[in-house]
Amino acid sequence: MVLGAAGRVRSGWRHNGGVSDSTLPALPAVPASGRPDVAARLRDALLGASFTADGLLELLGAPAYAALARSETVPALRATRGDTPLEVLVRLFLLQQPVPPARVAAVLPVDACLESGWLVRVGADEVAATVDVRPYGGPDGEDWFIVSDLGCAVGGAGGIGSRAEGVVLGVGGASTTLAGITVRTPVPAALDLGTGSGIQALHASRHATRVTATDVNARALHITALTLALSGAPAADLREGSLFEPLRDGETYDLIVSNPPFVISPRARLTYRDGGMGGDDLCRSIVQGAGERLNEGGFAQFLANWQHVEGEDWQDRLRSWVPRGCDAWIVQREVQDVTQYAELWLRDAGDHRGDPAEYQALYDAWLDEFEARKVKAVGFGWITLRRTGAAVPSVTVEEWPHPVEQPLGETVRAHFDRLDYLRAHDDAALLEAHFRLASEIVQEQVGLPGAEDPEHVVLRQNRGMRRATKVDTVGAGFAGVCDGSLSAGRILDAIAQLVGEDPVLLRDRTPAQIRLLVEQGFLEPA
């Protein structure tokens, strides 16, 4: 699907009509997406000059490279004052600096790039890029390139590079978080809902036979096509529209991913972040609508924000979102009070750098909206669904604000595999089963110095979710000897003999603890 560079941008994820064309002139034309020959030549030139994630790190050094990821450009400008091909490309595509055509011609096919719109002439003796092109390292060492609007490779301290409603951002923390938690098993069909610059579609192209990418913003679809072409990835099926509207009746997928415009805002200003529905209704709609679009065993994975409403349990709120026939694992990673939340997104848009009276009015509007909805805080986190044929689906809603080890896709997949195992094994079957202690589990004993016995024992993971769970001495002893050779029941009988407990009573009370250790990944079925 080829979209015009100045295609009309409809209202993001909402149903209240179109956006005035008066917003569009603020966004320049983007390169033609129907020129794969030029994209291939440009890709070869970029790779030939080591315009890659590794090449940037070597050129800029770690501090300037990290600063660039925060959209702070001064260190990178200082590091690219020479005329090597890589320095020219960094100034051109990442720092938005005009460059004399003669210097560019030594690196790029200038005429083809000008004719297809990757470059434009500036004045009489310089050329400039029309889009950001950011090197991005794939999970298996692929050299990819993420295209976005100028100044919008990521958010920065000064806010985004443009306040035009249809602006398309590049790679940020949310994008990489979703890419990291996504289950990466080979699948026939994947859907990237609200594709933006195309990073999730790019990842999906590695393990999905067919990738569909949708967005309400025609400009985003165009830029996604550029990202895929410049990265040497297969083209995706690009469809314009809101939520699940672009999909055909009965069309289903094995993987659905979405980093949607989840910001809970008083009015829709920016398509990439403001969904235009009241409160957290947009995220709820996506989660509830995904169930009927998943094939059996398929995963749907989202980033989301949700309201903490006075008098309501936030976990119950999220449980009510889960569609029928789906297991769910919902993790709240952070909570902000309404003032912190408003300030975060006002700064994201750069409103704090404008007129103080306008800033105050916008801030008031956010707080008025939250007050009217009785919202006291907003949660941030991940939602994973899996279509299941189980009679009683499993829904886990938890808070885990602690550090984790990305990528987590395999951890997510294993979590749902363990749910299947536990559903298929009652307590008697668990006692007959054999288990192994998962790799890189350590035991910590907490108590007063010199005490004969610890106050409590903690098992801690050093991989994946990096969980910690408190166990009693029986649980710690049980986990410590699980090497797959003995059944759980025989281990408990031996422990009962050592501690002088009735083995029948110990067998009766321990399966619940075994279930928890299996569910959280401390024990694995042998």
Protein backbone atom coordinates (compact mmCIF):
# COMPACT_ATOMS: atom_id res chain seq x y z
CA MET A 1 0.00 0.00 0.00
CA VAL A 2 1.48 3.33 -1.04
CA LEU A 3 0.23 6.42 0.75
CA GLY A 4 0.81 9.97 -0.37
CA ALA A 5 3.26 11.99 1.68
CA ALA A 6 0.59 14.55 2.47
CA GLY A 7 -2.28 12.12 3.00
CA ARG A 8 -5.11 13.41 5.18
CA VAL A 9 -4.59 12.60 8.87
CA ARG A 10 -7.80 11.47 10.47
CA SER A 11 -8.51 11.74 14.18
CA GLY A 12 -6.35 9.31 16.12
CA TRP A 13 -8.24 6.29 17.47
CA ARG A 14 -11.47 8.17 17.78
CA HIS A 15 -14.75 8.64 16.05
CA ASN A 16 -15.38 12.36 16.26
CA GLY A 17 -14.54 13.44 12.74
CA GLY A 18 -11.40 14.51 10.91
CA VAL A 19 -8.61 16.86 11.75
CA SER A 20 -8.48 20.16 9.94
CA ASP A 21 -6.02 20.27 7.07
CA SER A 22 -4.60 23.38 8.69
CA THR A 23 -2.48 21.12 10.90
CA LEU A 24 -0.73 19.45 7.97
CA PRO A 25 1.51 22.23 6.55
CA ALA A 26 3.60 22.09 9.74
CA LEU A 27 4.77 18.64 8.66
CA PRO A 28 7.07 18.46 5.61
CA ALA A 29 6.61 15.93 2.82
CA VAL A 30 8.27 12.60 3.49
CA PRO A 31 10.16 10.42 0.99
CA ALA A 32 8.28 8.41 -1.61
CA SER A 33 7.55 4.91 -0.32
CA GLY A 34 7.11 3.48 -3.83
CA ARG A 35 10.83 3.58 -4.63
CA PRO A 36 12.33 0.38 -3.19
CA ASP A 37 15.28 0.78 -5.56
CA VAL A 38 16.27 4.07 -3.92
CA ALA A 39 15.71 2.65 -0.41
CA ALA A 40 18.00 -0.29 -1.26
CA ARG A 41 20.73 2.01 -2.61
CA LEU A 42 20.43 4.26 0.43
CA ARG A 43 20.62 1.26 2.76
CA ASP A 44 23.78 0.02 1.08
CA ALA A 45 25.35 3.46 1.39
CA LEU A 46 24.46 3.77 5.08
CA LEU A 47 25.89 0.35 5.86
CA GLY A 48 28.98 1.05 3.80
CA ALA A 49 29.69 4.09 5.96
CA SER A 50 29.07 2.12 9.21
CA PHE A 51 25.97 4.20 9.96
CA THR A 52 24.84 1.51 12.39
CA ALA A 53 24.20 1.29 16.14
CA ASP A 54 27.70 -0.10 16.68
CA GLY A 55 29.24 2.44 14.32
CA LEU A 56 27.56 5.32 16.17
CA LEU A 57 28.76 4.08 19.53
CA GLU A 58 32.33 3.84 18.27
CA LEU A 59 32.21 7.30 16.67
CA LEU A 60 30.43 9.21 19.42
CA GLY A 61 31.60 7.41 22.53
CA ALA A 62 29.29 6.15 25.25
CA PRO A 63 28.35 9.51 26.88
CA ALA A 64 27.44 11.26 23.60
CA TYR A 65 25.66 8.13 22.34
CA ALA A 66 23.57 7.95 25.52
CA ALA A 67 22.84 11.68 25.31
CA LEU A 68 21.61 11.27 21.74
CA ALA A 69 19.19 8.60 22.97
CA ARG A 70 17.79 11.32 25.26
CA SER A 71 17.54 13.71 22.26
CA GLU A 72 20.37 15.82 23.65
CA THR A 73 22.43 16.67 20.58
CA VAL A 74 25.24 18.93 21.79
CA PRO A 75 27.69 16.10 22.65
CA ALA A 76 27.04 14.44 19.27
CA LEU A 77 27.56 17.77 17.46
CA ARG A 78 30.91 18.16 19.16
CA ALA A 79 31.88 14.61 18.19
CA THR A 80 31.04 15.05 14.49
CA ARG A 81 33.02 18.13 13.50
CA GLY A 82 35.10 16.24 10.94
CA ASP A 83 34.25 15.23 7.37
CA THR A 84 34.34 11.43 7.46
CA PRO A 85 31.38 9.72 5.73
CA LEU A 86 29.93 8.62 9.07
CA GLU A 87 30.17 12.10 10.57
CA VAL A 88 28.39 13.55 7.52
CA LEU A 89 25.56 11.03 7.85
CA VAL A 90 25.13 11.66 11.58
CA ARG A 91 24.89 15.41 11.02
CA LEU A 92 22.47 14.91 8.14
CA PHE A 93 20.04 12.25 9.45
CA LEU A 94 20.30 12.48 13.23
CA LEU A 95 21.27 16.06 13.99
CA GLN A 96 19.29 17.72 11.16
CA GLN A 97 22.25 19.80 10.00
CA PRO A 98 22.43 21.01 6.37
CA VAL A 99 25.45 19.63 4.54
CA PRO A 100 27.12 20.73 1.28
CA PRO A 101 26.06 18.42 -1.60
CA ALA A 102 29.65 17.61 -2.52
CA ARG A 103 30.26 16.04 0.89
CA VAL A 104 27.01 14.06 0.70
CA ALA A 105 27.76 12.89 -2.83
CA ALA A 106 30.84 11.12 -1.54
CA VAL A 107 28.56 8.93 0.61
CA LEU A 108 25.03 8.82 -0.84
CA PRO A 109 23.35 8.72 -4.27
CA VAL A 110 22.42 12.40 -3.95
CA ASP A 111 20.39 12.79 -7.14
CA ALA A 112 18.24 9.73 -6.38
CA CYS A 113 17.74 10.87 -2.78
CA LEU A 114 16.70 14.35 -3.90
CA GLU A 115 14.37 13.03 -6.59
CA SER A 116 12.65 10.56 -4.22
CA GLY A 117 12.42 13.03 -1.32
CA TRP A 118 14.93 11.70 1.21
CA LEU A 119 16.83 14.98 0.80
CA VAL A 120 15.85 18.54 -0.11
CA ARG A 121 17.92 21.49 -1.24
CA VAL A 122 18.43 24.22 1.34
CA GLY A 123 19.47 27.50 -0.18
CA ALA A 124 21.90 27.39 -3.07
CA ASP A 125 24.66 25.21 -1.67
CA GLU A 126 23.36 22.75 0.93
CA VAL A 127 21.04 19.76 1.27
CA ALA A 128 19.09 18.54 4.31
CA ALA A 129 17.24 15.38 5.32
CA THR A 130 13.44 15.35 5.28
CA VAL A 131 13.18 12.66 8.00
CA ASP A 132 15.13 11.29 10.93
CA VAL A 133 16.88 8.00 10.17
CA ARG A 134 18.08 6.28 13.32
CA PRO A 135 20.24 3.12 13.29
CA TYR A 136 18.67 0.38 15.40
CA GLY A 137 20.23 -2.96 16.26
CA GLY A 138 17.95 -5.96 15.84
CA PRO A 139 17.87 -8.80 18.40
CA ASP A 140 20.11 -11.03 16.28
CA GLY A 141 22.52 -8.32 15.24
CA GLU A 142 20.46 -7.00 12.31
CA ASP A 143 21.28 -3.48 11.15
CA TRP A 144 17.90 -1.74 10.95
CA PHE A 145 16.87 1.87 10.47
CA ILE A 146 13.85 3.56 12.08
CA VAL A 147 12.41 6.48 10.13
CA SER A 148 10.49 9.25 11.92
CA ASP A 149 9.68 12.92 11.61
CA LEU A 150 12.47 15.43 12.01
CA GLY A 151 13.46 15.96 15.64
CA CYS A 152 11.27 13.06 16.77
CA ALA A 153 13.62 10.09 16.95
CA VAL A 154 12.81 9.97 20.68
CA GLY A 155 11.34 12.31 23.25
CA GLY A 156 13.72 14.72 24.91
CA ALA A 157 14.00 17.19 27.76
CA GLY A 158 12.54 19.93 25.59
CA GLY A 159 9.58 17.87 24.38
CA ILE A 160 8.96 16.45 20.93
CA GLY A 161 10.32 18.15 17.85
CA SER A 162 6.91 19.08 16.45
CA ARG A 163 3.46 19.72 17.92
CA ALA A 164 1.66 18.97 14.67
CA GLU A 165 -1.10 16.48 15.38
CA GLY A 166 0.02 13.83 12.91
CA VAL A 167 3.71 13.85 13.89
CA VAL A 168 5.35 10.40 13.89
CA LEU A 169 7.85 9.55 16.61
CA GLY A 170 10.69 7.08 16.37
CA VAL A 171 12.11 4.71 18.96
CA GLY A 172 11.54 5.46 22.64
CA GLY A 173 11.50 3.56 25.88
CA ALA A 174 7.92 2.39 25.39
CA SER A 175 8.72 1.01 21.92
CA THR A 176 11.70 -0.99 23.13
CA THR A 177 9.83 -2.22 26.21
CA LEU A 178 7.02 -3.67 24.09
CA ALA A 179 9.50 -5.19 21.64
CA GLY A 180 11.31 -6.81 24.55
CA ILE A 181 8.28 -8.40 26.22
CA THR A 182 6.75 -9.74 22.98
CA VAL A 183 6.67 -13.51 22.52
CA ARG A 184 8.86 -14.31 19.49
CA THR A 185 7.71 -17.76 18.39
CA PRO A 186 7.23 -18.30 14.62
CA VAL A 187 3.63 -17.52 13.63
CA PRO A 188 1.64 -17.36 10.38
CA ALA A 189 0.11 -13.91 10.98
CA ALA A 190 0.92 -10.91 13.20
CA LEU A 191 -0.89 -7.58 13.67
CA ASP A 192 0.77 -4.32 14.73
CA LEU A 193 -2.10 -2.14 15.89
CA GLY A 194 -1.15 1.55 15.71
CA THR A 195 2.19 0.98 14.04
CA GLY A 196 3.63 4.51 14.28
CA SER A 197 7.15 4.40 12.81
CA GLY A 198 6.92 0.64 12.30
CA ILE A 199 9.30 -0.74 14.91
CA GLN A 200 6.91 -3.48 16.11
CA ALA A 201 6.10 -4.50 12.52
CA LEU A 202 9.85 -4.64 11.85
CA HIS A 203 10.41 -7.01 14.78
CA ALA A 204 7.40 -9.13 13.77
CA SER A 205 8.74 -9.50 10.23
CA ARG A 206 11.48 -11.78 11.63
CA HIS A 207 9.10 -14.48 12.87
CA ALA A 208 5.69 -13.90 11.22
CA THR A 209 4.92 -15.07 7.70
CA ARG A 210 2.44 -12.23 7.20
CA VAL A 211 2.49 -8.86 9.01
CA THR A 212 -0.43 -6.44 9.02
CA ALA A 213 0.20 -2.91 10.33
CA THR A 214 -2.59 -0.42 10.98
CA ASP A 215 -2.73 3.20 12.03
CA VAL A 216 -5.29 5.98 11.98
CA ASN A 217 -2.51 8.29 10.79
CA ALA A 218 -1.78 7.89 7.06
CA ARG A 219 1.58 9.56 7.57
CA ALA A 220 2.55 6.86 10.08
CA LEU A 221 1.73 4.12 7.58
CA HIS A 222 3.86 5.85 4.97
CA ILE A 223 6.78 6.11 7.39
CA THR A 224 6.35 2.45 8.42
CA ALA A 225 6.77 1.49 4.75
CA LEU A 226 10.01 3.51 4.69
CA THR A 227 11.29 1.88 7.91
CA LEU A 228 10.70 -1.61 6.54
CA ALA A 229 12.22 -0.85 3.13
CA LEU A 230 15.29 0.88 4.52
CA SER A 231 15.81 -1.99 6.99
CA GLY A 232 15.68 -4.59 4.22
CA ALA A 233 12.57 -6.20 5.73
CA PRO A 234 9.57 -7.59 3.80
CA ALA A 235 6.77 -5.14 3.12
CA ALA A 236 3.76 -5.27 5.47
CA ASP A 237 0.06 -5.10 4.66
CA LEU A 238 -0.61 -1.46 5.65
CA ARG A 239 -4.16 -0.41 6.49
CA GLU A 240 -5.53 2.93 7.61
CA GLY A 241 -8.17 3.16 10.32
CA SER A 242 -8.96 3.26 14.03
CA LEU A 243 -8.69 0.34 16.44
CA PHE A 244 -9.81 -2.92 14.77
CA GLU A 245 -11.82 -1.17 12.02
CA PRO A 246 -9.32 -1.87 9.21
CA LEU A 247 -9.62 -5.64 9.74
CA ARG A 248 -11.96 -7.79 7.69
CA ASP A 249 -14.79 -9.79 9.25
CA GLY A 250 -13.44 -12.97 10.76
CA GLU A 251 -9.80 -12.01 10.25
CA THR A 252 -7.66 -13.41 13.08
CA TYR A 253 -4.02 -13.42 14.10
CA ASP A 254 -1.53 -15.44 16.11
CA LEU A 255 0.13 -12.34 17.55
CA ILE A 256 -1.28 -8.85 18.16
CA VAL A 257 0.97 -6.09 19.51
CA SER A 258 0.15 -2.48 20.24
CA ASN A 259 1.88 0.51 21.77
CA PRO A 260 -1.30 2.60 21.50
CA PRO A 261 -1.94 6.29 22.22
CA PHE A 262 -2.60 5.40 25.84
CA VAL A 263 -2.23 8.83 27.45
CA ILE A 264 -5.26 9.75 29.59
CA SER A 265 -5.67 13.37 28.56
CA PRO A 266 -8.44 15.98 28.72
CA ARG A 267 -8.42 16.50 24.95
CA ALA A 268 -6.80 14.91 21.93
CA ARG A 269 -3.87 17.00 20.70
CA LEU A 270 -1.27 14.57 19.36
CA THR A 271 -2.24 11.49 17.37
CA TYR A 272 0.72 9.41 18.53
CA ARG A 273 -0.21 9.65 22.22
CA ASP A 274 -3.79 10.94 22.80
CA GLY A 275 -6.46 8.37 22.04
CA GLY A 276 -9.38 10.80 22.10
CA MET A 277 -11.61 8.55 24.23
CA GLY A 278 -12.59 9.38 27.79
CA GLY A 279 -10.29 8.25 30.58
CA ASP A 280 -8.72 4.85 29.92
CA ASP A 281 -11.47 3.72 27.54
CA LEU A 282 -9.07 3.43 24.61
CA CYS A 283 -6.88 0.86 26.35
CA ARG A 284 -9.95 -1.00 27.60
CA SER A 285 -11.39 -1.10 24.07
CA ILE A 286 -8.18 -2.51 22.61
CA VAL A 287 -7.88 -5.22 25.26
CA GLN A 288 -11.54 -6.23 25.04
CA GLY A 289 -11.52 -6.22 21.24
CA ALA A 290 -8.40 -8.36 20.90
CA GLY A 291 -9.97 -11.57 22.19
CA GLU A 292 -12.10 -12.27 19.13
CA ARG A 293 -9.16 -11.47 16.82
CA LEU A 294 -6.82 -14.09 18.31
CA ASN A 295 -6.36 -17.62 17.08
CA GLU A 296 -6.28 -20.40 19.66
CA GLY A 297 -3.02 -20.14 21.59
CA GLY A 298 -2.30 -16.69 20.12
CA PHE A 299 -0.89 -13.81 22.15
CA ALA A 300 -1.96 -10.16 22.33
CA GLN A 301 0.50 -7.83 24.07
CA PHE A 302 -0.01 -4.16 24.87
CA LEU A 303 1.38 -1.25 26.79
CA ALA A 304 -1.35 0.63 28.63
CA ASN A 305 -2.28 3.26 31.20
CA TRP A 306 -5.21 2.82 33.58
CA GLN A 307 -7.04 4.92 36.10
CA HIS A 308 -6.94 4.43 39.85
CA VAL A 309 -10.42 5.59 40.82
CA GLU A 310 -11.51 6.45 44.35
CA GLY A 311 -13.47 3.62 45.94
CA GLU A 312 -12.42 1.08 43.30
CA ASP A 313 -9.74 -1.63 43.33
CA TRP A 314 -7.50 -1.01 40.31
CA GLN A 315 -6.92 -4.74 39.96
CA ASP A 316 -10.65 -5.40 39.70
CA ARG A 317 -10.87 -2.68 37.05
CA LEU A 318 -8.29 -4.44 34.90
CA ARG A 319 -9.78 -7.89 35.43
CA SER A 320 -13.02 -6.54 33.99
CA TRP A 321 -11.16 -5.67 30.76
CA VAL A 322 -10.05 -9.25 30.02
CA PRO A 323 -12.12 -10.76 27.17
CA ARG A 324 -13.80 -14.12 27.57
CA GLY A 325 -11.74 -17.12 26.52
CA CYS A 326 -8.39 -15.49 27.32
CA ASP A 327 -5.78 -16.00 29.99
CA ALA A 328 -4.22 -12.71 31.07
CA TRP A 329 -1.08 -11.51 32.80
CA ILE A 330 -1.22 -7.83 33.73
CA VAL A 331 1.78 -6.14 35.36
CA GLN A 332 1.66 -2.64 36.82
CA ARG A 333 5.16 -1.21 36.55
CA GLU A 334 4.61 2.32 37.88
CA VAL A 335 1.98 4.55 39.48
CA GLN A 336 1.91 8.34 39.34
CA ASP A 337 -0.40 10.70 41.16
CA VAL A 338 -2.46 12.94 38.90
CA THR A 339 -0.12 15.94 39.27
CA GLN A 340 2.95 13.93 38.29
CA TYR A 341 1.05 12.44 35.37
CA ALA A 342 -0.12 15.80 34.03
CA GLU A 343 3.38 17.26 34.32
CA LEU A 344 4.93 14.29 32.51
CA TRP A 345 2.80 14.74 29.40
CA LEU A 346 2.84 18.54 29.44
CA ARG A 347 6.63 18.28 29.31
CA ASP A 348 6.41 15.59 26.62
CA ALA A 349 4.67 18.12 24.38
CA GLY A 350 7.07 20.92 25.34
CA ASP A 351 4.25 22.94 26.94
CA HIS A 352 6.49 23.87 29.88
CA ARG A 353 8.64 25.89 27.48
CA GLY A 354 5.79 28.06 26.24
CA ASP A 355 3.56 30.76 27.68
CA PRO A 356 3.19 30.30 31.49
CA ALA A 357 -0.49 31.25 31.45
CA GLU A 358 -1.21 28.71 28.71
CA TYR A 359 0.74 26.07 30.61
CA GLN A 360 -1.32 26.76 33.74
CA ALA A 361 -4.57 26.53 31.78
CA LEU A 362 -3.54 23.18 30.28
CA TYR A 363 -2.47 21.88 33.70
CA ASP A 364 -5.83 22.96 35.15
CA ALA A 365 -7.65 21.13 32.36
CA TRP A 366 -5.86 17.86 33.21
CA LEU A 367 -6.68 18.17 36.90
CA ASP A 368 -10.29 19.12 36.17
CA GLU A 369 -10.67 16.00 34.05
CA PHE A 370 -9.21 13.75 36.74
CA GLU A 371 -11.32 15.36 39.44
CA ALA A 372 -14.50 14.84 37.42
CA ARG A 373 -13.65 11.15 37.01
CA LYS A 374 -12.55 10.75 40.66
CA VAL A 375 -9.13 9.60 39.47
CA LYS A 376 -6.44 9.77 42.14
CA ALA A 377 -3.56 8.17 40.23
CA VAL A 378 -2.63 6.51 36.93
CA GLY A 379 -0.94 3.14 36.51
CA PHE A 380 1.50 2.20 33.73
CA GLY A 381 2.21 -1.33 32.65
CA TRP A 382 1.97 -4.35 30.36
CA ILE A 383 -1.01 -6.46 29.42
CA THR A 384 -0.63 -9.90 27.83
CA LEU A 385 -3.56 -12.02 26.68
CA ARG A 386 -3.45 -15.58 25.41
CA ARG A 387 -6.40 -17.21 23.71
CA THR A 388 -7.18 -20.43 25.55
CA GLY A 389 -9.65 -23.25 25.35
CA ALA A 390 -9.56 -23.72 29.13
CA ALA A 391 -12.93 -23.88 30.88
CA VAL A 392 -11.69 -21.42 33.52
CA PRO A 393 -9.15 -18.90 32.18
CA SER A 394 -6.42 -17.62 34.49
CA VAL A 395 -6.15 -13.87 35.13
CA THR A 396 -3.12 -12.60 37.05
CA VAL A 397 -2.96 -8.90 37.95
CA GLU A 398 0.06 -7.82 39.95
CA GLU A 399 2.31 -4.92 40.79
CA TRP A 400 6.01 -5.35 40.02
CA PRO A 401 7.91 -2.02 39.97
CA HIS A 402 11.32 -3.66 40.39
CA PRO A 403 14.05 -4.05 37.73
CA VAL A 404 13.62 -6.86 35.20
CA GLU A 405 15.90 -8.37 32.59
CA GLN A 406 14.88 -7.67 29.01
CA PRO A 407 14.11 -9.28 26.64
CA LEU A 408 11.23 -10.95 28.48
CA GLY A 409 9.43 -12.61 25.59
CA GLU A 410 10.57 -16.10 26.56
CA THR A 411 9.68 -15.38 30.20
CA VAL A 412 6.17 -14.38 29.13
CA ARG A 413 5.72 -17.50 27.02
CA ALA A 414 6.98 -19.72 29.85
CA HIS A 415 4.55 -18.08 32.29
CA PHE A 416 1.57 -19.22 30.23
CA ASP A 417 3.07 -22.67 29.70
CA ARG A 418 3.27 -23.03 33.48
CA LEU A 419 -0.38 -22.00 33.79
CA ASP A 420 -1.31 -24.85 31.43
CA TYR A 421 0.76 -27.27 33.49
CA LEU A 422 -0.84 -26.23 36.78
CA ARG A 423 -4.35 -26.42 35.32
CA ALA A 424 -3.67 -29.97 34.20
CA HIS A 425 -2.31 -31.14 37.58
CA ASP A 426 -4.39 -31.33 40.74
CA ASP A 427 -2.68 -31.58 44.12
CA ALA A 428 -2.31 -35.35 43.91
CA ALA A 429 -0.69 -35.07 40.48
CA LEU A 430 1.68 -32.35 41.75
CA LEU A 431 2.90 -34.66 44.51
CA GLU A 432 3.65 -37.35 41.94
CA ALA A 433 5.48 -34.89 39.66
CA HIS A 434 9.22 -34.18 39.49
CA PHE A 435 10.61 -30.64 39.59
CA ARG A 436 13.89 -28.81 39.09
CA LEU A 437 15.00 -25.57 40.66
CA ALA A 438 15.18 -22.95 37.90
CA SER A 439 18.60 -21.63 36.92
CA GLU A 440 20.19 -18.72 38.76
CA ILE A 441 18.01 -18.89 41.88
CA VAL A 442 19.69 -17.81 45.11
CA GLN A 443 18.54 -18.18 48.70
CA GLU A 444 18.75 -15.38 51.26
CA GLN A 445 18.23 -15.84 54.99
CA VAL A 446 17.04 -12.85 56.98
CA GLY A 447 17.25 -12.63 60.76
CA LEU A 448 19.04 -11.17 63.73
CA PRO A 449 22.81 -11.79 63.90
CA GLY A 450 23.57 -14.86 65.96
CA ALA A 451 19.99 -16.17 65.94
CA GLU A 452 19.68 -19.93 65.69
CA ASP A 453 16.99 -19.78 63.00
CA PRO A 454 16.32 -17.09 60.34
CA GLU A 455 13.19 -14.97 60.64
CA HIS A 456 12.39 -15.80 57.04
CA VAL A 457 13.95 -17.25 53.92
CA VAL A 458 13.78 -15.54 50.50
CA LEU A 459 14.27 -17.17 47.10
CA ARG A 460 15.43 -14.69 44.49
CA GLN A 461 15.69 -14.92 40.70
CA ASN A 462 18.62 -13.31 38.91
CA ARG A 463 17.01 -13.61 35.47
CA GLY A 464 13.73 -12.65 33.81
CA MET A 465 11.31 -10.93 36.18
CA ARG A 466 13.90 -11.14 38.97
CA ARG A 467 11.25 -12.07 41.46
CA ALA A 468 11.75 -12.62 45.16
CA THR A 469 9.40 -14.74 47.25
CA LYS A 470 9.33 -15.53 50.95
CA VAL A 471 9.19 -19.23 51.87
CA ASP A 472 9.18 -21.18 55.10
CA THR A 473 11.92 -23.62 56.02
CA VAL A 474 10.03 -26.52 54.44
CA GLY A 475 9.61 -24.57 51.18
CA ALA A 476 13.29 -23.61 51.15
CA GLY A 477 14.37 -27.17 51.85
CA PHE A 478 12.01 -28.55 49.22
CA ALA A 479 13.24 -26.14 46.53
CA GLY A 480 16.87 -26.82 47.42
CA VAL A 481 16.70 -30.53 46.69
CA CYS A 482 14.54 -30.36 43.55
CA ASP A 483 16.82 -31.75 40.85
CA GLY A 484 14.26 -33.84 38.97
CA SER A 485 15.29 -37.16 40.47
CA LEU A 486 12.60 -37.53 43.18
CA SER A 487 8.89 -36.84 43.11
CA ALA A 488 7.56 -33.94 45.18
CA GLY A 489 5.77 -36.34 47.51
CA ARG A 490 8.90 -38.37 48.26
CA ILE A 491 10.85 -35.16 48.98
CA LEU A 492 8.16 -34.04 51.42
CA ASP A 493 8.16 -37.41 53.14
CA ALA A 494 11.92 -37.11 53.68
CA ILE A 495 11.54 -33.55 55.00
CA ALA A 496 8.76 -34.68 57.35
CA GLN A 497 11.07 -37.32 58.78
CA LEU A 498 13.86 -34.80 59.29
CA VAL A 499 11.72 -32.17 61.04
CA GLY A 500 9.50 -34.58 62.90
CA GLU A 501 6.23 -33.64 61.15
CA ASP A 502 3.35 -35.86 60.16
CA PRO A 503 4.02 -36.65 56.45
CA VAL A 504 0.29 -36.73 55.67
CA LEU A 505 -0.26 -33.24 57.09
CA LEU A 506 2.82 -31.96 55.27
CA ARG A 507 1.57 -33.39 51.97
CA ASP A 508 -1.78 -31.69 52.57
CA ARG A 509 -0.46 -28.18 53.20
CA THR A 510 2.48 -27.96 50.80
CA PRO A 511 0.90 -28.18 47.29
CA ALA A 512 -0.27 -24.54 47.50
CA GLN A 513 3.33 -23.43 48.05
CA ILE A 514 4.54 -25.67 45.22
CA ARG A 515 1.93 -24.11 42.92
CA LEU A 516 3.14 -20.63 43.75
CA LEU A 517 6.79 -21.54 43.16
CA VAL A 518 5.91 -23.11 39.81
CA GLU A 519 3.65 -20.23 38.75
CA GLN A 520 6.34 -17.64 39.52
CA GLY A 521 9.07 -19.63 37.78
CA PHE A 522 11.18 -20.75 40.73
CA LEU A 523 10.44 -24.42 40.02
CA GLU A 524 10.18 -26.07 36.61
CA PRO A 525 8.49 -29.39 35.81
CA ALA A 526 11.26 -31.89 35.12
